[in-house]
């Protein structure tokens, strides 16, 4: 499942559950940005791999570098 921004992880987890109920195999959630507010831990506790391209800390650091 691809998610734009992960906060608590609830919305993507609902999508995963619906896909699994329909017979699909889902093994990971990929996000553009992880806000580091528990979503990754939620996915891992549900047996899913989690990958984020950036964290909110990455974006904040880059913002400080260019401003």
PDB file of N, CA and C in Angstrom:
ATOM      1  N   UNK A   1       0.857  -1.161   0.000  1.00  0.00           N
ATOM      2  CA  UNK A   1       0.000   0.000   0.000  1.00  0.00           C
ATOM      3  C   UNK A   1       0.905   1.226   0.000  1.00  0.00           C
ATOM      4  N   UNK A   2       0.576   2.195  -0.843  1.00  0.00           N
ATOM      5  CA  UNK A   2       1.334   3.437  -0.927  1.00  0.00           C
ATOM      6  C   UNK A   2       0.549   4.546  -0.247  1.00  0.00           C
ATOM      7  N   UNK A   3       1.203   5.241   0.670  1.00  0.00           N
ATOM      8  CA  UNK A   3       0.575   6.320   1.436  1.00  0.00           C
ATOM      9  C   UNK A   3       1.408   7.583   1.258  1.00  0.00           C
ATOM     10  N   UNK A   4       0.747   8.727   1.157  1.00  0.00           N
ATOM     11  CA  UNK A   4       1.516   9.961   1.000  1.00  0.00           C
ATOM     12  C   UNK A   4       2.210  10.354   2.299  1.00  0.00           C
ATOM     13  N   UNK A   5       1.444  10.528   3.367  1.00  0.00           N
ATOM     14  CA  UNK A   5       1.990  10.921   4.665  1.00  0.00           C
ATOM     15  C   UNK A   5       1.436   9.982   5.730  1.00  0.00           C
ATOM     16  N   UNK A   6       2.318   9.452   6.561  1.00  0.00           N
ATOM     17  CA  UNK A   6       1.893   8.569   7.649  1.00  0.00           C
ATOM     18  C   UNK A   6       2.006   9.316   8.972  1.00  0.00           C
ATOM     19  N   UNK A   7       0.910   9.308   9.719  1.00  0.00           N
ATOM     20  CA  UNK A   7       0.909   9.878  11.070  1.00  0.00           C
ATOM     21  C   UNK A   7       0.667   8.730  12.041  1.00  0.00           C
ATOM     22  N   UNK A   8      -0.586   8.394  12.301  1.00  0.00           N
ATOM     23  CA  UNK A   8      -0.892   7.285  13.215  1.00  0.00           C
ATOM     24  C   UNK A   8      -0.917   5.943  12.503  1.00  0.00           C
ATOM     25  N   UNK A   9      -1.090   5.956  11.194  1.00  0.00           N
ATOM     26  CA  UNK A   9      -1.111   4.722  10.421  1.00  0.00           C
ATOM     27  C   UNK A   9      -2.478   4.099  10.233  1.00  0.00           C
ATOM     28  N   UNK A  10      -3.500   4.677  10.826  1.00  0.00           N
ATOM     29  CA  UNK A  10      -4.831   4.067  10.797  1.00  0.00           C
ATOM     30  C   UNK A  10      -5.422   3.959   9.390  1.00  0.00           C
ATOM     31  N   UNK A  11      -5.291   4.992   8.567  1.00  0.00           N
ATOM     32  CA  UNK A  11      -5.952   4.952   7.255  1.00  0.00           C
ATOM     33  C   UNK A  11      -5.349   3.884   6.349  1.00  0.00           C
ATOM     34  N   UNK A  12      -4.027   3.791   6.307  1.00  0.00           N
ATOM     35  CA  UNK A  12      -3.408   2.761   5.472  1.00  0.00           C
ATOM     36  C   UNK A  12      -3.681   1.370   6.026  1.00  0.00           C
ATOM     37  N   UNK A  13      -3.735   1.231   7.351  1.00  0.00           N
ATOM     38  CA  UNK A  13      -4.024  -0.077   7.936  1.00  0.00           C
ATOM     39  C   UNK A  13      -5.432  -0.534   7.556  1.00  0.00           C
ATOM     40  N   UNK A  14      -6.384   0.381   7.510  1.00  0.00           N
ATOM     41  CA  UNK A  14      -7.737   0.026   7.057  1.00  0.00           C
ATOM     42  C   UNK A  14      -7.708  -0.452   5.612  1.00  0.00           C
ATOM     43  N   UNK A  15      -6.923   0.221   4.773  1.00  0.00           N
ATOM     44  CA  UNK A  15      -6.802  -0.196   3.373  1.00  0.00           C
ATOM     45  C   UNK A  15      -6.187  -1.586   3.278  1.00  0.00           C
ATOM     46  N   UNK A  16      -5.165  -1.841   4.072  1.00  0.00           N
ATOM     47  CA  UNK A  16      -4.528  -3.161   4.096  1.00  0.00           C
ATOM     48  C   UNK A  16      -5.541  -4.223   4.499  1.00  0.00           C
ATOM     49  N   UNK A  17      -6.294  -3.956   5.552  1.00  0.00           N
ATOM     50  CA  UNK A  17      -7.284  -4.926   6.027  1.00  0.00           C
ATOM     51  C   UNK A  17      -8.343  -5.204   4.969  1.00  0.00           C
ATOM     52  N   UNK A  18      -8.785  -4.192   4.261  1.00  0.00           N
ATOM     53  CA  UNK A  18      -9.787  -4.392   3.198  1.00  0.00           C
ATOM     54  C   UNK A  18      -9.216  -5.194   2.040  1.00  0.00           C
ATOM     55  N   UNK A  19      -7.982  -4.897   1.666  1.00  0.00           N
ATOM     56  CA  UNK A  19      -7.350  -5.659   0.589  1.00  0.00           C
ATOM     57  C   UNK A  19      -7.164  -7.119   0.993  1.00  0.00           C
ATOM     58  N   UNK A  20      -6.727  -7.350   2.220  1.00  0.00           N
ATOM     59  CA  UNK A  20      -6.550  -8.723   2.691  1.00  0.00           C
ATOM     60  C   UNK A  20      -7.886  -9.459   2.743  1.00  0.00           C
ATOM     61  N   UNK A  21      -8.946  -8.775   3.161  1.00  0.00           N
ATOM     62  CA  UNK A  21     -10.276  -9.394   3.203  1.00  0.00           C
ATOM     63  C   UNK A  21     -10.763  -9.759   1.807  1.00  0.00           C
ATOM     64  N   UNK A  22     -10.282  -9.023   0.800  1.00  0.00           N
ATOM     65  CA  UNK A  22     -10.657  -9.309  -0.586  1.00  0.00           C
ATOM     66  C   UNK A  22      -9.762 -10.375  -1.212  1.00  0.00           C
ATOM     67  N   UNK A  23      -8.817 -10.905  -0.434  1.00  0.00           N
ATOM     68  CA  UNK A  23      -7.983 -11.992  -0.925  1.00  0.00           C
ATOM     69  C   UNK A  23      -6.600 -11.591  -1.400  1.00  0.00           C
ATOM     70  N   UNK A  24      -6.253 -10.322  -1.281  1.00  0.00           N
ATOM     71  CA  UNK A  24      -4.931  -9.868  -1.705  1.00  0.00           C
ATOM     72  C   UNK A  24      -3.913 -10.070  -0.586  1.00  0.00           C
ATOM     73  N   UNK A  25      -2.673 -10.271  -0.989  1.00  0.00           N
ATOM     74  CA  UNK A  25      -1.582 -10.355  -0.036  1.00  0.00           C
ATOM     75  C   UNK A  25      -0.896  -8.997   0.016  1.00  0.00           C
ATOM     76  N   UNK A  26      -0.828  -8.431   1.194  1.00  0.00           N
ATOM     77  CA  UNK A  26      -0.153  -7.143   1.395  1.00  0.00           C
ATOM     78  C   UNK A  26       0.930  -7.376   2.434  1.00  0.00           C
ATOM     79  N   UNK A  27       2.169  -7.028   2.088  1.00  0.00           N
ATOM     80  CA  UNK A  27       3.256  -7.268   3.035  1.00  0.00           C
ATOM     81  C   UNK A  27       3.988  -6.010   3.475  1.00  0.00           C
ATOM     82  N   UNK A  28       3.637  -4.843   2.859  1.00  0.00           N
ATOM     83  CA  UNK A  28       4.333  -3.627   3.267  1.00  0.00           C
ATOM     84  C   UNK A  28       3.521  -2.381   2.976  1.00  0.00           C
ATOM     85  N   UNK A  29       3.871  -1.332   3.693  1.00  0.00           N
ATOM     86  CA  UNK A  29       3.331   0.001   3.452  1.00  0.00           C
ATOM     87  C   UNK A  29       4.519   0.885   3.106  1.00  0.00           C
ATOM     88  N   UNK A  30       4.382   1.649   2.031  1.00  0.00           N
ATOM     89  CA  UNK A  30       5.421   2.581   1.614  1.00  0.00           C
ATOM     90  C   UNK A  30       4.834   3.981   1.689  1.00  0.00           C
ATOM     91  N   UNK A  31       5.602   4.883   2.272  1.00  0.00           N
ATOM     92  CA  UNK A  31       5.132   6.252   2.455  1.00  0.00           C
ATOM     93  C   UNK A  31       6.158   7.239   1.920  1.00  0.00           C
ATOM     94  N   UNK A  32       5.678   8.366   1.441  1.00  0.00           N
ATOM     95  CA  UNK A  32       6.598   9.430   1.063  1.00  0.00           C
ATOM     96  C   UNK A  32       7.189  10.084   2.307  1.00  0.00           C
ATOM     97  N   UNK A  33       6.319  10.378   3.301  1.00  0.00           N
ATOM     98  CA  UNK A  33       6.764  11.062   4.515  1.00  0.00           C
ATOM     99  C   UNK A  33       6.210  10.350   5.742  1.00  0.00           C
ATOM    100  N   UNK A  34       7.085  10.076   6.695  1.00  0.00           N
ATOM    101  CA  UNK A  34       6.687   9.528   7.994  1.00  0.00           C
ATOM    102  C   UNK A  34       6.793  10.654   9.012  1.00  0.00           C
ATOM    103  N   UNK A  35       5.668  11.002   9.629  1.00  0.00           N
ATOM    104  CA  UNK A  35       5.665  12.070  10.633  1.00  0.00           C
ATOM    105  C   UNK A  35       6.164  11.596  11.993  1.00  0.00           C
ATOM    106  N   UNK A  36       6.544  10.322  12.088  1.00  0.00           N
ATOM    107  CA  UNK A  36       7.129   9.748  13.309  1.00  0.00           C
ATOM    108  C   UNK A  36       6.180   9.853  14.499  1.00  0.00           C
ATOM    109  N   UNK A  37       4.903   9.556  14.253  1.00  0.00           N
ATOM    110  CA  UNK A  37       3.913   9.613  15.325  1.00  0.00           C
ATOM    111  C   UNK A  37       3.244   8.262  15.552  1.00  0.00           C
ATOM    112  N   UNK A  38       3.983   7.182  15.283  1.00  0.00           N
ATOM    113  CA  UNK A  38       3.503   5.856  15.637  1.00  0.00           C
ATOM    114  C   UNK A  38       3.016   4.983  14.500  1.00  0.00           C
ATOM    115  N   UNK A  39       2.884   5.531  13.313  1.00  0.00           N
ATOM    116  CA  UNK A  39       2.386   4.735  12.197  1.00  0.00           C
ATOM    117  C   UNK A  39       3.284   3.560  11.852  1.00  0.00           C
ATOM    118  N   UNK A  40       4.580   3.795  11.799  1.00  0.00           N
ATOM    119  CA  UNK A  40       5.511   2.719  11.475  1.00  0.00           C
ATOM    120  C   UNK A  40       5.438   1.577  12.467  1.00  0.00           C
ATOM    121  N   UNK A  41       5.349   1.907  13.739  1.00  0.00           N
ATOM    122  CA  UNK A  41       5.240   0.874  14.779  1.00  0.00           C
ATOM    123  C   UNK A  41       3.933   0.105  14.649  1.00  0.00           C
ATOM    124  N   UNK A  42       2.856   0.800  14.287  1.00  0.00           N
ATOM    125  CA  UNK A  42       1.564   0.133  14.098  1.00  0.00           C
ATOM    126  C   UNK A  42       1.654  -0.889  12.969  1.00  0.00           C
ATOM    127  N   UNK A  43       2.256  -0.511  11.857  1.00  0.00           N
ATOM    128  CA  UNK A  43       2.385  -1.445  10.731  1.00  0.00           C
ATOM    129  C   UNK A  43       3.227  -2.650  11.119  1.00  0.00           C
ATOM    130  N   UNK A  44       4.334  -2.398  11.789  1.00  0.00           N
ATOM    131  CA  UNK A  44       5.196  -3.506  12.188  1.00  0.00           C
ATOM    132  C   UNK A  44       4.486  -4.437  13.165  1.00  0.00           C
ATOM    133  N   UNK A  45       3.662  -3.889  14.060  1.00  0.00           N
ATOM    134  CA  UNK A  45       2.925  -4.744  14.998  1.00  0.00           C
ATOM    135  C   UNK A  45       1.852  -5.557  14.282  1.00  0.00           C
ATOM    136  N   UNK A  46       1.444  -5.098  13.089  1.00  0.00           N
ATOM    137  CA  UNK A  46       0.473  -5.832  12.281  1.00  0.00           C
ATOM    138  C   UNK A  46       1.163  -6.802  11.322  1.00  0.00           C
ATOM    139  N   UNK A  47       2.489  -6.937  11.443  1.00  0.00           N
ATOM    140  CA  UNK A  47       3.231  -7.867  10.600  1.00  0.00           C
ATOM    141  C   UNK A  47       3.578  -7.324   9.227  1.00  0.00           C
ATOM    142  N   UNK A  48       3.531  -6.010   9.072  1.00  0.00           N
ATOM    143  CA  UNK A  48       3.826  -5.378   7.787  1.00  0.00           C
ATOM    144  C   UNK A  48       5.194  -4.711   7.829  1.00  0.00           C
ATOM    145  N   UNK A  49       5.879  -4.743   6.709  1.00  0.00           N
ATOM    146  CA  UNK A  49       7.113  -3.975   6.589  1.00  0.00           C
ATOM    147  C   UNK A  49       6.721  -2.528   6.312  1.00  0.00           C
ATOM    148  N   UNK A  50       7.546  -1.593   6.751  1.00  0.00           N
ATOM    149  CA  UNK A  50       7.259  -0.179   6.530  1.00  0.00           C
ATOM    150  C   UNK A  50       8.503   0.529   6.030  1.00  0.00           C
ATOM    151  N   UNK A  51       8.319   1.300   4.975  1.00  0.00           N
ATOM    152  CA  UNK A  51       9.408   2.093   4.416  1.00  0.00           C
ATOM    153  C   UNK A  51       8.892   3.497   4.152  1.00  0.00           C
ATOM    154  N   UNK A  52       9.695   4.494   4.485  1.00  0.00           N
ATOM    155  CA  UNK A  52       9.362   5.886   4.181  1.00  0.00           C
ATOM    156  C   UNK A  52      10.539   6.504   3.435  1.00  0.00           C
ATOM    157  N   UNK A  53      10.240   7.278   2.410  1.00  0.00           N
ATOM    158  CA  UNK A  53      11.313   7.942   1.677  1.00  0.00           C
ATOM    159  C   UNK A  53      11.957   9.039   2.518  1.00  0.00           C
ATOM    160  N   UNK A  54      11.131   9.748   3.302  1.00  0.00           N
ATOM    161  CA  UNK A  54      11.615  10.827   4.156  1.00  0.00           C
ATOM    162  C   UNK A  54      10.885  10.776   5.485  1.00  0.00           C
ATOM    163  N   UNK A  55      11.526  11.292   6.523  1.00  0.00           N
ATOM    164  CA  UNK A  55      10.838  11.519   7.791  1.00  0.00           C
ATOM    165  C   UNK A  55      10.629  13.022   7.945  1.00  0.00           C
ATOM    166  N   UNK A  56       9.769  13.389   8.863  1.00  0.00           N
ATOM    167  CA  UNK A  56       9.549  14.807   9.128  1.00  0.00           C
ATOM    168  C   UNK A  56      10.854  15.458   9.584  1.00  0.00           C
ATOM    169  N   UNK A  57      11.691  14.709  10.281  1.00  0.00           N
ATOM    170  CA  UNK A  57      12.987  15.249  10.717  1.00  0.00           C
ATOM    171  C   UNK A  57      13.895  15.548   9.530  1.00  0.00           C
ATOM    172  N   UNK A  58      13.864  14.680   8.507  1.00  0.00           N
ATOM    173  CA  UNK A  58      14.644  14.934   7.292  1.00  0.00           C
ATOM    174  C   UNK A  58      14.222  16.251   6.652  1.00  0.00           C
ATOM    175  N   UNK A  59      12.924  16.458   6.556  1.00  0.00           N
ATOM    176  CA  UNK A  59      12.407  17.665   5.916  1.00  0.00           C
ATOM    177  C   UNK A  59      12.721  18.912   6.736  1.00  0.00           C
ATOM    178  N   UNK A  60      12.614  18.807   8.050  1.00  0.00           N
ATOM    179  CA  UNK A  60      12.939  19.949   8.907  1.00  0.00           C
ATOM    180  C   UNK A  60      14.419  20.305   8.803  1.00  0.00           C
ATOM    181  N   UNK A  61      15.270  19.297   8.765  1.00  0.00           N
ATOM    182  CA  UNK A  61      16.708  19.537   8.638  1.00  0.00           C
ATOM    183  C   UNK A  61      17.018  20.230   7.319  1.00  0.00           C
ATOM    184  N   UNK A  62      16.428  19.740   6.248  1.00  0.00           N
ATOM    185  CA  UNK A  62      16.673  20.347   4.930  1.00  0.00           C
ATOM    186  C   UNK A  62      16.162  21.782   4.889  1.00  0.00           C
ATOM    187  N   UNK A  63      15.023  22.028   5.494  1.00  0.00           N
ATOM    188  CA  UNK A  63      14.470  23.381   5.540  1.00  0.00           C
ATOM    189  C   UNK A  63      15.445  24.329   6.247  1.00  0.00           C
ATOM    190  N   UNK A  64      16.001  23.886   7.367  1.00  0.00           N
ATOM    191  CA  UNK A  64      16.957  24.727   8.100  1.00  0.00           C
ATOM    192  C   UNK A  64      18.227  24.970   7.281  1.00  0.00           C
ATOM    193  N   UNK A  65      18.625  23.990   6.489  1.00  0.00           N
ATOM    194  CA  UNK A  65      19.832  24.142   5.672  1.00  0.00           C
ATOM    195  C   UNK A  65      19.666  25.197   4.587  1.00  0.00           C
ATOM    196  N   UNK A  66      18.476  25.305   4.035  1.00  0.00           N
ATOM    197  CA  UNK A  66      18.288  26.229   2.907  1.00  0.00           C
ATOM    198  C   UNK A  66      17.728  27.585   3.327  1.00  0.00           C
ATOM    199  N   UNK A  67      17.392  27.740   4.589  1.00  0.00           N
ATOM    200  CA  UNK A  67      16.860  29.031   5.057  1.00  0.00           C
ATOM    201  C   UNK A  67      17.759  29.667   6.082  1.00  0.00           C
TER     202      UNK A  67
END
